[in-house]
Amino acid sequence: MDCTSRSLPLTLEQQQQQEQEEEEEEEEQGGKGFSDKPYLAGGPEDCLKHVVLVSLLRHFVEDCRPFTFIDAHAGGGLYNLECDESQVFRNHEGGIAQVIDGVRDKTISDTVYRLMYAAMARLNIALGSHGFQHYLGSTAWALQWLRCQDQDSAAKRVHRTVGLSHDVKKKGEVCQPLGEEGQEHSCIFMEAAAAKDAMLAKCG
């Protein structure tokens, strides 16, 4: 007979409690691993993730139906590329800086890159920033395209954190009421994996 003690499976309530305790511990420690977003903001991986996000957002807003943007790993929403943390690895020089230079020099002509350039320019002008000093996080990128009938899960926190306003969003939006309950409603789900890659999927 095997007398080896085995731990019983955790109940859902116990799992939730454990996750909450881990989150609180991580917050007390100031974050860990790839949660140190300022070091990575605007880098090649971050930039690629946002290129995919912007491409998806453009696709979704072409449809009149509302959709929901869910960012399960939302950061501060806005990153200062001239801050001390960003200067440690200077990852943005191989990422968004390449996009900015390419659009300026007209060596990059893809619409998505030009839209990202324009969105960054609008935001930095609105903030009175020096050049392209500030880089948008995922939820801030989403705010550039979300319409009044669309929903998001993290924009309120981003607004509160960095003081973004809908004046920075894309102009010319037509506000429509949210769909009735049961109406077909698409969803962009965004979650950062262990290596800070984005997982984007459409669900209905």
C-alpha atoms as a PDB file:
ATOM      1  CA  MET A   1       0.000   0.000   0.000  1.00  0.00           C
ATOM      2  CA  ASP A   2       1.363   3.379  -0.988  1.00  0.00           C
ATOM      3  CA  CYS A   3       1.423   5.550   2.105  1.00  0.00           C
ATOM      4  CA  THR A   4       3.028   8.498   0.357  1.00  0.00           C
ATOM      5  CA  SER A   5       1.116  11.626   1.252  1.00  0.00           C
ATOM      6  CA  ARG A   6      -0.477  13.413  -1.651  1.00  0.00           C
ATOM      7  CA  SER A   7      -1.920  16.872  -1.640  1.00  0.00           C
ATOM      8  CA  LEU A   8      -5.578  17.060  -2.564  1.00  0.00           C
ATOM      9  CA  PRO A   9      -6.556  19.144  -5.605  1.00  0.00           C
ATOM     10  CA  LEU A  10      -7.327  22.726  -4.743  1.00  0.00           C
ATOM     11  CA  THR A  11     -10.906  23.885  -4.955  1.00  0.00           C
ATOM     12  CA  LEU A  12     -11.763  26.787  -7.241  1.00  0.00           C
ATOM     13  CA  GLU A  13     -12.029  29.076  -4.223  1.00  0.00           C
ATOM     14  CA  GLN A  14      -8.605  27.969  -2.970  1.00  0.00           C
ATOM     15  CA  GLN A  15      -7.073  28.490  -6.420  1.00  0.00           C
ATOM     16  CA  GLN A  16      -8.490  32.009  -6.588  1.00  0.00           C
ATOM     17  CA  GLN A  17      -7.192  32.756  -3.100  1.00  0.00           C
ATOM     18  CA  GLN A  18      -3.735  31.437  -4.043  1.00  0.00           C
ATOM     19  CA  GLU A  19      -3.658  33.535  -7.218  1.00  0.00           C
ATOM     20  CA  GLN A  20      -4.695  36.623  -5.272  1.00  0.00           C
ATOM     21  CA  GLU A  21      -1.945  36.065  -2.702  1.00  0.00           C
ATOM     22  CA  GLU A  22       0.634  35.613  -5.481  1.00  0.00           C
ATOM     23  CA  GLU A  23      -0.495  38.843  -7.158  1.00  0.00           C
ATOM     24  CA  GLU A  24      -0.288  40.750  -3.867  1.00  0.00           C
ATOM     25  CA  GLU A  25       3.184  39.349  -3.207  1.00  0.00           C
ATOM     26  CA  GLU A  26       4.320  40.335  -6.706  1.00  0.00           C
ATOM     27  CA  GLU A  27       2.975  43.878  -6.241  1.00  0.00           C
ATOM     28  CA  GLU A  28       4.827  44.180  -2.914  1.00  0.00           C
ATOM     29  CA  GLN A  29       8.042  43.106  -4.635  1.00  0.00           C
ATOM     30  CA  GLY A  30       7.520  45.654  -7.379  1.00  0.00           C
ATOM     31  CA  GLY A  31       6.891  43.095 -10.099  1.00  0.00           C
ATOM     32  CA  LYS A  32       9.155  40.427 -11.485  1.00  0.00           C
ATOM     33  CA  GLY A  33      10.473  39.069 -14.765  1.00  0.00           C
ATOM     34  CA  PHE A  34       8.971  40.558 -17.895  1.00  0.00           C
ATOM     35  CA  SER A  35       6.515  42.637 -15.877  1.00  0.00           C
ATOM     36  CA  ASP A  36       9.236  45.305 -15.881  1.00  0.00           C
ATOM     37  CA  LYS A  37       7.725  46.778 -19.028  1.00  0.00           C
ATOM     38  CA  PRO A  38       9.687  50.064 -19.160  1.00  0.00           C
ATOM     39  CA  TYR A  39      12.851  48.098 -19.951  1.00  0.00           C
ATOM     40  CA  LEU A  40      11.186  46.444 -22.950  1.00  0.00           C
ATOM     41  CA  ALA A  41       8.798  49.118 -24.228  1.00  0.00           C
ATOM     42  CA  GLY A  42       9.090  49.816 -27.937  1.00  0.00           C
ATOM     43  CA  GLY A  43      11.518  46.950 -28.539  1.00  0.00           C
ATOM     44  CA  PRO A  44      11.271  44.608 -31.555  1.00  0.00           C
ATOM     45  CA  GLU A  45       8.971  42.096 -29.822  1.00  0.00           C
ATOM     46  CA  ASP A  46       6.815  44.834 -28.302  1.00  0.00           C
ATOM     47  CA  CYS A  47       6.598  46.667 -31.616  1.00  0.00           C
ATOM     48  CA  LEU A  48       5.672  43.499 -33.523  1.00  0.00           C
ATOM     49  CA  LYS A  49       2.963  42.738 -30.988  1.00  0.00           C
ATOM     50  CA  HIS A  50       1.468  46.180 -31.511  1.00  0.00           C
ATOM     51  CA  VAL A  51       1.681  45.914 -35.308  1.00  0.00           C
ATOM     52  CA  VAL A  52      -0.475  42.785 -35.041  1.00  0.00           C
ATOM     53  CA  LEU A  53      -2.823  44.523 -32.595  1.00  0.00           C
ATOM     54  CA  VAL A  54      -3.278  47.589 -34.813  1.00  0.00           C
ATOM     55  CA  SER A  55      -3.896  45.346 -37.817  1.00  0.00           C
ATOM     56  CA  LEU A  56      -6.604  43.492 -35.891  1.00  0.00           C
ATOM     57  CA  LEU A  57      -8.178  46.709 -34.638  1.00  0.00           C
ATOM     58  CA  ARG A  58      -8.365  48.086 -38.177  1.00  0.00           C
ATOM     59  CA  HIS A  59     -10.112  44.901 -39.253  1.00  0.00           C
ATOM     60  CA  PHE A  60     -12.621  45.033 -36.406  1.00  0.00           C
ATOM     61  CA  VAL A  61     -13.605  48.699 -36.830  1.00  0.00           C
ATOM     62  CA  GLU A  62     -14.481  48.072 -40.471  1.00  0.00           C
ATOM     63  CA  ASP A  63     -17.438  46.098 -39.124  1.00  0.00           C
ATOM     64  CA  CYS A  64     -20.353  48.085 -37.706  1.00  0.00           C
ATOM     65  CA  ARG A  65     -20.830  45.529 -34.929  1.00  0.00           C
ATOM     66  CA  PRO A  66     -19.327  46.360 -31.514  1.00  0.00           C
ATOM     67  CA  PHE A  67     -16.411  44.397 -30.120  1.00  0.00           C
ATOM     68  CA  THR A  68     -14.621  44.077 -26.797  1.00  0.00           C
ATOM     69  CA  PHE A  69     -10.902  44.532 -26.200  1.00  0.00           C
ATOM     70  CA  ILE A  70      -9.602  42.587 -23.199  1.00  0.00           C
ATOM     71  CA  ASP A  71      -6.026  43.144 -22.074  1.00  0.00           C
ATOM     72  CA  ALA A  72      -5.203  40.591 -19.386  1.00  0.00           C
ATOM     73  CA  HIS A  73      -1.702  41.981 -18.861  1.00  0.00           C
ATOM     74  CA  ALA A  74      -2.202  45.728 -19.139  1.00  0.00           C
ATOM     75  CA  GLY A  75       0.718  47.844 -17.994  1.00  0.00           C
ATOM     76  CA  GLY A  76       0.915  51.584 -17.464  1.00  0.00           C
ATOM     77  CA  GLY A  77      -0.387  52.379 -20.925  1.00  0.00           C
ATOM     78  CA  LEU A  78       2.317  54.903 -21.731  1.00  0.00           C
ATOM     79  CA  TYR A  79       6.106  54.622 -21.552  1.00  0.00           C
ATOM     80  CA  ASN A  80       8.774  57.285 -21.520  1.00  0.00           C
ATOM     81  CA  LEU A  81      11.518  56.093 -23.854  1.00  0.00           C
ATOM     82  CA  GLU A  82      13.913  58.595 -22.293  1.00  0.00           C
ATOM     83  CA  CYS A  83      13.502  57.329 -18.731  1.00  0.00           C
ATOM     84  CA  ASP A  84      16.359  55.572 -16.936  1.00  0.00           C
ATOM     85  CA  GLU A  85      14.773  52.115 -17.241  1.00  0.00           C
ATOM     86  CA  SER A  86      14.287  52.450 -20.995  1.00  0.00           C
ATOM     87  CA  GLN A  87      17.879  53.578 -21.437  1.00  0.00           C
ATOM     88  CA  VAL A  88      19.299  50.443 -19.779  1.00  0.00           C
ATOM     89  CA  PHE A  89      18.859  48.213 -22.838  1.00  0.00           C
ATOM     90  CA  ARG A  90      17.594  50.822 -25.335  1.00  0.00           C
ATOM     91  CA  ASN A  91      15.398  48.137 -26.900  1.00  0.00           C
ATOM     92  CA  HIS A  92      13.283  50.748 -28.665  1.00  0.00           C
ATOM     93  CA  GLU A  93      16.199  51.571 -30.968  1.00  0.00           C
ATOM     94  CA  GLY A  94      15.734  48.215 -32.680  1.00  0.00           C
ATOM     95  CA  GLY A  95      11.942  48.448 -32.635  1.00  0.00           C
ATOM     96  CA  ILE A  96       9.728  51.512 -32.854  1.00  0.00           C
ATOM     97  CA  ALA A  97      12.682  53.799 -33.656  1.00  0.00           C
ATOM     98  CA  GLN A  98      13.205  51.785 -36.851  1.00  0.00           C
ATOM     99  CA  VAL A  99       9.545  52.265 -37.755  1.00  0.00           C
ATOM    100  CA  ILE A 100       9.709  56.009 -37.107  1.00  0.00           C
ATOM    101  CA  ASP A 101      12.850  56.425 -39.213  1.00  0.00           C
ATOM    102  CA  GLY A 102      11.435  54.233 -41.977  1.00  0.00           C
ATOM    103  CA  VAL A 103       8.210  56.219 -42.252  1.00  0.00           C
ATOM    104  CA  ARG A 104      10.111  59.513 -42.188  1.00  0.00           C
ATOM    105  CA  ASP A 105      12.519  58.342 -44.892  1.00  0.00           C
ATOM    106  CA  LYS A 106       9.640  56.776 -46.852  1.00  0.00           C
ATOM    107  CA  THR A 107      11.431  53.420 -46.872  1.00  0.00           C
ATOM    108  CA  ILE A 108       8.407  51.990 -45.033  1.00  0.00           C
ATOM    109  CA  SER A 109       5.082  52.564 -46.727  1.00  0.00           C
ATOM    110  CA  ASP A 110       2.796  49.958 -45.161  1.00  0.00           C
ATOM    111  CA  THR A 111      -0.418  51.532 -43.882  1.00  0.00           C
ATOM    112  CA  VAL A 112      -0.179  49.999 -40.405  1.00  0.00           C
ATOM    113  CA  TYR A 113       3.266  51.490 -39.772  1.00  0.00           C
ATOM    114  CA  ARG A 114       2.155  54.888 -41.045  1.00  0.00           C
ATOM    115  CA  LEU A 115      -0.888  54.776 -38.777  1.00  0.00           C
ATOM    116  CA  MET A 116       1.292  53.885 -35.794  1.00  0.00           C
ATOM    117  CA  TYR A 117       3.613  56.772 -36.640  1.00  0.00           C
ATOM    118  CA  ALA A 118       0.655  59.176 -36.859  1.00  0.00           C
ATOM    119  CA  ALA A 119      -0.849  57.915 -33.591  1.00  0.00           C
ATOM    120  CA  MET A 120       2.451  58.380 -31.750  1.00  0.00           C
ATOM    121  CA  ALA A 121       2.866  61.839 -33.239  1.00  0.00           C
ATOM    122  CA  ARG A 122      -0.647  62.880 -32.153  1.00  0.00           C
ATOM    123  CA  LEU A 123      -0.164  61.581 -28.644  1.00  0.00           C
ATOM    124  CA  ASN A 124       3.242  63.172 -28.110  1.00  0.00           C
ATOM    125  CA  ILE A 125       1.978  66.509 -29.428  1.00  0.00           C
ATOM    126  CA  ALA A 126      -1.015  66.308 -27.062  1.00  0.00           C
ATOM    127  CA  LEU A 127       1.330  65.610 -24.146  1.00  0.00           C
ATOM    128  CA  GLY A 128       3.767  68.319 -25.166  1.00  0.00           C
ATOM    129  CA  SER A 129       6.495  65.695 -25.378  1.00  0.00           C
ATOM    130  CA  HIS A 130       9.884  66.043 -26.979  1.00  0.00           C
ATOM    131  CA  GLY A 131       9.739  64.316 -30.380  1.00  0.00           C
ATOM    132  CA  PHE A 132       8.617  60.704 -29.992  1.00  0.00           C
ATOM    133  CA  GLN A 133       9.491  60.565 -26.316  1.00  0.00           C
ATOM    134  CA  HIS A 134       6.473  58.514 -25.271  1.00  0.00           C
ATOM    135  CA  TYR A 135       5.464  55.101 -26.574  1.00  0.00           C
ATOM    136  CA  LEU A 136       1.991  53.647 -26.283  1.00  0.00           C
ATOM    137  CA  GLY A 137       1.221  50.430 -24.432  1.00  0.00           C
ATOM    138  CA  SER A 138      -1.309  47.943 -25.789  1.00  0.00           C
ATOM    139  CA  THR A 139      -4.383  49.507 -24.212  1.00  0.00           C
ATOM    140  CA  ALA A 140      -3.334  52.995 -25.296  1.00  0.00           C
ATOM    141  CA  TRP A 141      -2.978  51.674 -28.861  1.00  0.00           C
ATOM    142  CA  ALA A 142      -6.469  50.208 -28.584  1.00  0.00           C
ATOM    143  CA  LEU A 143      -7.861  53.572 -27.482  1.00  0.00           C
ATOM    144  CA  GLN A 144      -6.813  55.018 -30.823  1.00  0.00           C
ATOM    145  CA  TRP A 145      -9.362  52.802 -32.595  1.00  0.00           C
ATOM    146  CA  LEU A 146     -12.056  51.858 -30.090  1.00  0.00           C
ATOM    147  CA  ARG A 147     -15.396  53.428 -30.988  1.00  0.00           C
ATOM    148  CA  CYS A 148     -18.091  54.520 -28.560  1.00  0.00           C
ATOM    149  CA  GLN A 149     -20.010  51.283 -29.102  1.00  0.00           C
ATOM    150  CA  ASP A 150     -16.947  49.150 -28.356  1.00  0.00           C
ATOM    151  CA  GLN A 151     -15.849  48.067 -24.903  1.00  0.00           C
ATOM    152  CA  ASP A 152     -12.534  47.509 -23.180  1.00  0.00           C
ATOM    153  CA  SER A 153     -11.386  46.053 -19.894  1.00  0.00           C
ATOM    154  CA  ALA A 154      -8.370  48.148 -19.004  1.00  0.00           C
ATOM    155  CA  ALA A 155      -8.813  51.612 -20.532  1.00  0.00           C
ATOM    156  CA  LYS A 156     -10.227  53.141 -17.353  1.00  0.00           C
ATOM    157  CA  ARG A 157      -7.087  52.157 -15.435  1.00  0.00           C
ATOM    158  CA  VAL A 158      -4.894  53.474 -18.229  1.00  0.00           C
ATOM    159  CA  HIS A 159      -6.809  56.758 -18.280  1.00  0.00           C
ATOM    160  CA  ARG A 160      -6.315  57.074 -14.535  1.00  0.00           C
ATOM    161  CA  THR A 161      -2.632  56.158 -14.715  1.00  0.00           C
ATOM    162  CA  VAL A 162      -1.413  58.384 -17.522  1.00  0.00           C
ATOM    163  CA  GLY A 163      -4.229  60.900 -17.935  1.00  0.00           C
ATOM    164  CA  LEU A 164      -5.065  59.899 -21.503  1.00  0.00           C
ATOM    165  CA  SER A 165      -8.250  61.350 -22.909  1.00  0.00           C
ATOM    166  CA  HIS A 166     -10.435  60.416 -25.827  1.00  0.00           C
ATOM    167  CA  ASP A 167      -9.255  63.636 -27.499  1.00  0.00           C
ATOM    168  CA  VAL A 168      -6.107  61.699 -28.348  1.00  0.00           C
ATOM    169  CA  LYS A 169      -8.127  59.023 -30.096  1.00  0.00           C
ATOM    170  CA  LYS A 170      -8.681  58.917 -33.804  1.00  0.00           C
ATOM    171  CA  LYS A 171     -10.921  61.762 -34.933  1.00  0.00           C
ATOM    172  CA  GLY A 172     -14.114  61.437 -36.909  1.00  0.00           C
ATOM    173  CA  GLU A 173     -15.657  58.644 -34.879  1.00  0.00           C
ATOM    174  CA  VAL A 174     -19.378  58.004 -35.056  1.00  0.00           C
ATOM    175  CA  CYS A 175     -20.806  57.104 -31.672  1.00  0.00           C
ATOM    176  CA  GLN A 176     -23.451  54.403 -31.692  1.00  0.00           C
ATOM    177  CA  PRO A 177     -25.292  52.788 -28.778  1.00  0.00           C
ATOM    178  CA  LEU A 178     -24.105  49.453 -27.485  1.00  0.00           C
ATOM    179  CA  GLY A 179     -25.825  46.457 -29.021  1.00  0.00           C
ATOM    180  CA  GLU A 180     -28.740  44.805 -27.303  1.00  0.00           C
ATOM    181  CA  GLU A 181     -28.046  41.848 -25.077  1.00  0.00           C
ATOM    182  CA  GLY A 182     -27.583  38.774 -27.205  1.00  0.00           C
ATOM    183  CA  GLN A 183     -26.388  40.704 -30.253  1.00  0.00           C
ATOM    184  CA  GLU A 184     -23.387  39.162 -31.964  1.00  0.00           C
ATOM    185  CA  HIS A 185     -20.369  40.698 -30.278  1.00  0.00           C
ATOM    186  CA  SER A 186     -16.763  40.049 -31.244  1.00  0.00           C
ATOM    187  CA  CYS A 187     -13.841  40.091 -28.876  1.00  0.00           C
ATOM    188  CA  ILE A 188     -10.120  40.763 -29.089  1.00  0.00           C
ATOM    189  CA  PHE A 189      -8.444  38.918 -26.232  1.00  0.00           C
ATOM    190  CA  MET A 190      -4.908  39.930 -25.424  1.00  0.00           C
ATOM    191  CA  GLU A 191      -2.663  38.221 -22.917  1.00  0.00           C
ATOM    192  CA  ALA A 192       1.097  38.362 -22.460  1.00  0.00           C
ATOM    193  CA  ALA A 193       2.761  34.959 -22.277  1.00  0.00           C
ATOM    194  CA  ALA A 194       5.858  34.204 -20.217  1.00  0.00           C
ATOM    195  CA  ALA A 195       8.118  35.770 -22.828  1.00  0.00           C
ATOM    196  CA  LYS A 196       5.860  38.818 -23.157  1.00  0.00           C
ATOM    197  CA  ASP A 197       4.602  37.763 -26.577  1.00  0.00           C
ATOM    198  CA  ALA A 198       1.009  38.635 -27.351  1.00  0.00           C
ATOM    199  CA  MET A 199      -1.692  36.083 -27.874  1.00  0.00           C
ATOM    200  CA  LEU A 200      -4.442  37.615 -29.998  1.00  0.00           C
ATOM    201  CA  ALA A 201      -7.563  35.774 -30.996  1.00  0.00           C
ATOM    202  CA  LYS A 202     -11.049  36.488 -32.227  1.00  0.00           C
ATOM    203  CA  CYS A 203     -13.977  35.006 -30.368  1.00  0.00           C
ATOM    204  CA  GLY A 204     -17.632  35.539 -30.884  1.00  0.00           C
END
